């Protein structure tokens, strides 16, 4: 499901109210590359660290670095 298909997410929330929904990392990365032309180097490194973090504290540390 693309992040631009808000109607699908809305309908799925009605049918499956207890389900968790997220955005696929690949789509998020493409959106970031499109919006921020300088999405490389340290920012990309922190982004990759945040998405692969096992602990919430580790994820938050990477996100704060971004």
PDB file of N, CA and C in Angstrom:
ATOM      1  N   UNK A   1       0.846  -1.164   0.000  1.00  0.00           N
ATOM      2  CA  UNK A   1       0.000   0.000   0.000  1.00  0.00           C
ATOM      3  C   UNK A   1       0.893   1.229   0.000  1.00  0.00           C
ATOM      4  N   UNK A   2       0.711   2.098  -0.933  1.00  0.00           N
ATOM      5  CA  UNK A   2       1.494   3.323  -1.013  1.00  0.00           C
ATOM      6  C   UNK A   2       1.035   4.303   0.052  1.00  0.00           C
ATOM      7  N   UNK A   3       1.947   5.158   0.495  1.00  0.00           N
ATOM      8  CA  UNK A   3       1.592   6.134   1.514  1.00  0.00           C
ATOM      9  C   UNK A   3       0.678   7.222   0.971  1.00  0.00           C
ATOM     10  N   UNK A   4       0.452   7.238  -0.322  1.00  0.00           N
ATOM     11  CA  UNK A   4      -0.437   8.226  -0.920  1.00  0.00           C
ATOM     12  C   UNK A   4      -1.878   7.719  -1.035  1.00  0.00           C
ATOM     13  N   UNK A   5      -2.126   6.490  -0.649  1.00  0.00           N
ATOM     14  CA  UNK A   5      -3.459   5.905  -0.758  1.00  0.00           C
ATOM     15  C   UNK A   5      -4.154   5.959   0.602  1.00  0.00           C
ATOM     16  N   UNK A   6      -4.532   7.160   1.005  1.00  0.00           N
ATOM     17  CA  UNK A   6      -5.120   7.371   2.329  1.00  0.00           C
ATOM     18  C   UNK A   6      -6.475   6.682   2.475  1.00  0.00           C
ATOM     19  N   UNK A   7      -7.233   6.559   1.389  1.00  0.00           N
ATOM     20  CA  UNK A   7      -8.544   5.921   1.452  1.00  0.00           C
ATOM     21  C   UNK A   7      -8.456   4.457   1.839  1.00  0.00           C
ATOM     22  N   UNK A   8      -7.427   3.775   1.349  1.00  0.00           N
ATOM     23  CA  UNK A   8      -7.247   2.360   1.689  1.00  0.00           C
ATOM     24  C   UNK A   8      -6.931   2.222   3.171  1.00  0.00           C
ATOM     25  N   UNK A   9      -6.053   3.089   3.668  1.00  0.00           N
ATOM     26  CA  UNK A   9      -5.713   3.040   5.093  1.00  0.00           C
ATOM     27  C   UNK A   9      -6.947   3.323   5.953  1.00  0.00           C
ATOM     28  N   UNK A  10      -7.759   4.294   5.556  1.00  0.00           N
ATOM     29  CA  UNK A  10      -8.976   4.627   6.291  1.00  0.00           C
ATOM     30  C   UNK A  10      -9.927   3.432   6.340  1.00  0.00           C
ATOM     31  N   UNK A  11     -10.160   2.797   5.195  1.00  0.00           N
ATOM     32  CA  UNK A  11     -11.063   1.642   5.131  1.00  0.00           C
ATOM     33  C   UNK A  11     -10.511   0.466   5.929  1.00  0.00           C
ATOM     34  N   UNK A  12      -9.211   0.230   5.837  1.00  0.00           N
ATOM     35  CA  UNK A  12      -8.603  -0.875   6.584  1.00  0.00           C
ATOM     36  C   UNK A  12      -8.735  -0.649   8.084  1.00  0.00           C
ATOM     37  N   UNK A  13      -8.634   0.593   8.528  1.00  0.00           N
ATOM     38  CA  UNK A  13      -8.802   0.893   9.957  1.00  0.00           C
ATOM     39  C   UNK A  13     -10.226   0.621  10.429  1.00  0.00           C
ATOM     40  N   UNK A  14     -11.192   0.769   9.551  1.00  0.00           N
ATOM     41  CA  UNK A  14     -12.581   0.463   9.913  1.00  0.00           C
ATOM     42  C   UNK A  14     -12.778  -1.046  10.000  1.00  0.00           C
ATOM     43  N   UNK A  15     -12.264  -1.774   9.028  1.00  0.00           N
ATOM     44  CA  UNK A  15     -12.436  -3.227   8.978  1.00  0.00           C
ATOM     45  C   UNK A  15     -11.558  -3.926  10.012  1.00  0.00           C
ATOM     46  N   UNK A  16     -10.332  -3.438  10.192  1.00  0.00           N
ATOM     47  CA  UNK A  16      -9.365  -4.048  11.122  1.00  0.00           C
ATOM     48  C   UNK A  16      -8.916  -3.001  12.145  1.00  0.00           C
ATOM     49  N   UNK A  17      -9.777  -2.655  13.111  1.00  0.00           N
ATOM     50  CA  UNK A  17      -9.456  -1.551  14.025  1.00  0.00           C
ATOM     51  C   UNK A  17      -8.240  -1.798  14.920  1.00  0.00           C
ATOM     52  N   UNK A  18      -7.885  -3.039  15.182  1.00  0.00           N
ATOM     53  CA  UNK A  18      -6.764  -3.327  16.075  1.00  0.00           C
ATOM     54  C   UNK A  18      -5.449  -3.577  15.340  1.00  0.00           C
ATOM     55  N   UNK A  19      -5.456  -3.468  14.030  1.00  0.00           N
ATOM     56  CA  UNK A  19      -4.247  -3.742  13.245  1.00  0.00           C
ATOM     57  C   UNK A  19      -3.302  -2.541  13.273  1.00  0.00           C
ATOM     58  N   UNK A  20      -2.014  -2.832  13.218  1.00  0.00           N
ATOM     59  CA  UNK A  20      -1.000  -1.789  13.111  1.00  0.00           C
ATOM     60  C   UNK A  20      -0.622  -1.625  11.649  1.00  0.00           C
ATOM     61  N   UNK A  21      -0.466  -0.385  11.230  1.00  0.00           N
ATOM     62  CA  UNK A  21      -0.089  -0.104   9.852  1.00  0.00           C
ATOM     63  C   UNK A  21       1.169   0.738   9.853  1.00  0.00           C
ATOM     64  N   UNK A  22       2.051   0.452   8.930  1.00  0.00           N
ATOM     65  CA  UNK A  22       3.287   1.216   8.801  1.00  0.00           C
ATOM     66  C   UNK A  22       3.567   1.501   7.346  1.00  0.00           C
ATOM     67  N   UNK A  23       4.599   2.250   7.130  1.00  0.00           N
ATOM     68  CA  UNK A  23       5.000   2.567   5.760  1.00  0.00           C
ATOM     69  C   UNK A  23       6.214   1.714   5.414  1.00  0.00           C
ATOM     70  N   UNK A  24       6.207   1.075   4.260  1.00  0.00           N
ATOM     71  CA  UNK A  24       7.387   0.305   3.869  1.00  0.00           C
ATOM     72  C   UNK A  24       8.613   1.214   3.782  1.00  0.00           C
ATOM     73  N   UNK A  25       9.716   0.743   4.309  1.00  0.00           N
ATOM     74  CA  UNK A  25      10.937   1.536   4.368  1.00  0.00           C
ATOM     75  C   UNK A  25      11.387   1.995   2.983  1.00  0.00           C
ATOM     76  N   UNK A  26      11.248   1.140   1.997  1.00  0.00           N
ATOM     77  CA  UNK A  26      11.671   1.513   0.643  1.00  0.00           C
ATOM     78  C   UNK A  26      10.901   2.736   0.157  1.00  0.00           C
ATOM     79  N   UNK A  27       9.597   2.776   0.398  1.00  0.00           N
ATOM     80  CA  UNK A  27       8.790   3.912  -0.036  1.00  0.00           C
ATOM     81  C   UNK A  27       9.164   5.170   0.731  1.00  0.00           C
ATOM     82  N   UNK A  28       9.411   5.022   2.022  1.00  0.00           N
ATOM     83  CA  UNK A  28       9.818   6.171   2.822  1.00  0.00           C
ATOM     84  C   UNK A  28      11.151   6.727   2.324  1.00  0.00           C
ATOM     85  N   UNK A  29      12.102   5.849   2.033  1.00  0.00           N
ATOM     86  CA  UNK A  29      13.411   6.288   1.534  1.00  0.00           C
ATOM     87  C   UNK A  29      13.279   7.011   0.194  1.00  0.00           C
ATOM     88  N   UNK A  30      12.445   6.492  -0.696  1.00  0.00           N
ATOM     89  CA  UNK A  30      12.236   7.149  -1.996  1.00  0.00           C
ATOM     90  C   UNK A  30      11.620   8.530  -1.791  1.00  0.00           C
ATOM     91  N   UNK A  31      10.649   8.629  -0.896  1.00  0.00           N
ATOM     92  CA  UNK A  31      10.031   9.927  -0.616  1.00  0.00           C
ATOM     93  C   UNK A  31      11.052  10.914  -0.060  1.00  0.00           C
ATOM     94  N   UNK A  32      11.924  10.447   0.839  1.00  0.00           N
ATOM     95  CA  UNK A  32      12.951  11.322   1.403  1.00  0.00           C
ATOM     96  C   UNK A  32      13.948  11.764   0.338  1.00  0.00           C
ATOM     97  N   UNK A  33      14.334  10.845  -0.543  1.00  0.00           N
ATOM     98  CA  UNK A  33      15.267  11.196  -1.623  1.00  0.00           C
ATOM     99  C   UNK A  33      14.644  12.212  -2.573  1.00  0.00           C
ATOM    100  N   UNK A  34      13.345  12.077  -2.810  1.00  0.00           N
ATOM    101  CA  UNK A  34      12.645  12.999  -3.701  1.00  0.00           C
ATOM    102  C   UNK A  34      12.544  14.383  -3.076  1.00  0.00           C
ATOM    103  N   UNK A  35      12.221  14.421  -1.801  1.00  0.00           N
ATOM    104  CA  UNK A  35      12.009  15.701  -1.121  1.00  0.00           C
ATOM    105  C   UNK A  35      13.319  16.393  -0.749  1.00  0.00           C
ATOM    106  N   UNK A  36      14.307  15.608  -0.314  1.00  0.00           N
ATOM    107  CA  UNK A  36      15.580  16.170   0.145  1.00  0.00           C
ATOM    108  C   UNK A  36      16.698  15.649  -0.749  1.00  0.00           C
ATOM    109  N   UNK A  37      17.131  16.476  -1.657  1.00  0.00           N
ATOM    110  CA  UNK A  37      18.132  16.051  -2.643  1.00  0.00           C
ATOM    111  C   UNK A  37      19.456  15.666  -1.988  1.00  0.00           C
ATOM    112  N   UNK A  38      19.723  16.175  -0.791  1.00  0.00           N
ATOM    113  CA  UNK A  38      20.980  15.856  -0.105  1.00  0.00           C
ATOM    114  C   UNK A  38      20.826  14.676   0.858  1.00  0.00           C
ATOM    115  N   UNK A  39      19.907  13.769   0.555  1.00  0.00           N
ATOM    116  CA  UNK A  39      19.678  12.590   1.398  1.00  0.00           C
ATOM    117  C   UNK A  39      20.762  11.557   1.113  1.00  0.00           C
ATOM    118  N   UNK A  40      21.939  11.816   1.652  1.00  0.00           N
ATOM    119  CA  UNK A  40      23.060  10.891   1.523  1.00  0.00           C
ATOM    120  C   UNK A  40      24.049  11.221   2.632  1.00  0.00           C
ATOM    121  N   UNK A  41      25.097  10.494   2.701  1.00  0.00           N
ATOM    122  CA  UNK A  41      26.114  10.733   3.724  1.00  0.00           C
ATOM    123  C   UNK A  41      25.603  10.428   5.117  1.00  0.00           C
ATOM    124  N   UNK A  42      25.881  11.326   6.074  1.00  0.00           N
ATOM    125  CA  UNK A  42      25.507  11.060   7.472  1.00  0.00           C
ATOM    126  C   UNK A  42      24.005  10.860   7.680  1.00  0.00           C
ATOM    127  N   UNK A  43      23.184  11.640   6.979  1.00  0.00           N
ATOM    128  CA  UNK A  43      21.734  11.508   7.166  1.00  0.00           C
ATOM    129  C   UNK A  43      21.275  10.113   6.765  1.00  0.00           C
ATOM    130  N   UNK A  44      21.762   9.624   5.653  1.00  0.00           N
ATOM    131  CA  UNK A  44      21.393   8.282   5.201  1.00  0.00           C
ATOM    132  C   UNK A  44      21.897   7.230   6.186  1.00  0.00           C
ATOM    133  N   UNK A  45      23.089   7.439   6.733  1.00  0.00           N
ATOM    134  CA  UNK A  45      23.644   6.506   7.714  1.00  0.00           C
ATOM    135  C   UNK A  45      22.768   6.446   8.960  1.00  0.00           C
ATOM    136  N   UNK A  46      22.359   7.610   9.474  1.00  0.00           N
ATOM    137  CA  UNK A  46      21.489   7.639  10.658  1.00  0.00           C
ATOM    138  C   UNK A  46      20.119   7.030  10.352  1.00  0.00           C
ATOM    139  N   UNK A  47      19.593   7.311   9.165  1.00  0.00           N
ATOM    140  CA  UNK A  47      18.306   6.740   8.756  1.00  0.00           C
ATOM    141  C   UNK A  47      18.382   5.217   8.745  1.00  0.00           C
ATOM    142  N   UNK A  48      19.439   4.678   8.130  1.00  0.00           N
ATOM    143  CA  UNK A  48      19.605   3.225   8.088  1.00  0.00           C
ATOM    144  C   UNK A  48      19.779   2.649   9.484  1.00  0.00           C
ATOM    145  N   UNK A  49      20.491   3.352  10.348  1.00  0.00           N
ATOM    146  CA  UNK A  49      20.649   2.898  11.727  1.00  0.00           C
ATOM    147  C   UNK A  49      19.322   2.881  12.464  1.00  0.00           C
ATOM    148  N   UNK A  50      18.503   3.914  12.250  1.00  0.00           N
ATOM    149  CA  UNK A  50      17.204   3.991  12.920  1.00  0.00           C
ATOM    150  C   UNK A  50      16.273   2.879  12.469  1.00  0.00           C
ATOM    151  N   UNK A  51      16.280   2.571  11.179  1.00  0.00           N
ATOM    152  CA  UNK A  51      15.349   1.546  10.706  1.00  0.00           C
ATOM    153  C   UNK A  51      15.789   0.141  11.089  1.00  0.00           C
ATOM    154  N   UNK A  52      17.075  -0.042  11.394  1.00  0.00           N
ATOM    155  CA  UNK A  52      17.558  -1.365  11.779  1.00  0.00           C
ATOM    156  C   UNK A  52      17.734  -1.520  13.288  1.00  0.00           C
ATOM    157  N   UNK A  53      17.407  -0.484  14.040  1.00  0.00           N
ATOM    158  CA  UNK A  53      17.599  -0.515  15.489  1.00  0.00           C
ATOM    159  C   UNK A  53      16.715  -1.583  16.125  1.00  0.00           C
ATOM    160  N   UNK A  54      17.269  -2.261  17.098  1.00  0.00           N
ATOM    161  CA  UNK A  54      16.529  -3.302  17.801  1.00  0.00           C
ATOM    162  C   UNK A  54      15.835  -2.728  19.030  1.00  0.00           C
ATOM    163  N   UNK A  55      16.481  -1.812  19.697  1.00  0.00           N
ATOM    164  CA  UNK A  55      15.935  -1.204  20.906  1.00  0.00           C
ATOM    165  C   UNK A  55      15.329   0.160  20.591  1.00  0.00           C
ATOM    166  N   UNK A  56      14.269   0.515  21.315  1.00  0.00           N
ATOM    167  CA  UNK A  56      13.634   1.816  21.125  1.00  0.00           C
ATOM    168  C   UNK A  56      14.640   2.926  21.407  1.00  0.00           C
ATOM    169  N   UNK A  57      15.444   2.775  22.449  1.00  0.00           N
ATOM    170  CA  UNK A  57      16.429   3.805  22.792  1.00  0.00           C
ATOM    171  C   UNK A  57      17.452   3.991  21.674  1.00  0.00           C
ATOM    172  N   UNK A  58      17.841   2.906  21.035  1.00  0.00           N
ATOM    173  CA  UNK A  58      18.785   2.988  19.919  1.00  0.00           C
ATOM    174  C   UNK A  58      18.140   3.706  18.731  1.00  0.00           C
ATOM    175  N   UNK A  59      16.879   3.381  18.462  1.00  0.00           N
ATOM    176  CA  UNK A  59      16.142   4.040  17.378  1.00  0.00           C
ATOM    177  C   UNK A  59      16.041   5.544  17.647  1.00  0.00           C
ATOM    178  N   UNK A  60      15.690   5.904  18.872  1.00  0.00           N
ATOM    179  CA  UNK A  60      15.548   7.318  19.219  1.00  0.00           C
ATOM    180  C   UNK A  60      16.873   8.064  19.082  1.00  0.00           C
ATOM    181  N   UNK A  61      17.974   7.412  19.439  1.00  0.00           N
ATOM    182  CA  UNK A  61      19.293   8.038  19.325  1.00  0.00           C
ATOM    183  C   UNK A  61      19.595   8.377  17.861  1.00  0.00           C
ATOM    184  N   UNK A  62      19.306   7.451  16.970  1.00  0.00           N
ATOM    185  CA  UNK A  62      19.536   7.703  15.543  1.00  0.00           C
ATOM    186  C   UNK A  62      18.610   8.801  15.021  1.00  0.00           C
ATOM    187  N   UNK A  63      17.359   8.788  15.447  1.00  0.00           N
ATOM    188  CA  UNK A  63      16.409   9.798  14.983  1.00  0.00           C
ATOM    189  C   UNK A  63      16.806  11.190  15.461  1.00  0.00           C
ATOM    190  N   UNK A  64      17.311  11.295  16.680  1.00  0.00           N
ATOM    191  CA  UNK A  64      17.765  12.593  17.187  1.00  0.00           C
ATOM    192  C   UNK A  64      18.963  13.104  16.397  1.00  0.00           C
ATOM    193  N   UNK A  65      19.786  12.193  15.901  1.00  0.00           N
ATOM    194  CA  UNK A  65      20.951  12.589  15.104  1.00  0.00           C
ATOM    195  C   UNK A  65      20.543  13.158  13.752  1.00  0.00           C
ATOM    196  N   UNK A  66      19.419  12.677  13.239  1.00  0.00           N
ATOM    197  CA  UNK A  66      18.940  13.172  11.942  1.00  0.00           C
ATOM    198  C   UNK A  66      18.502  14.610  12.101  1.00  0.00           C
TER     199      UNK A  66
END
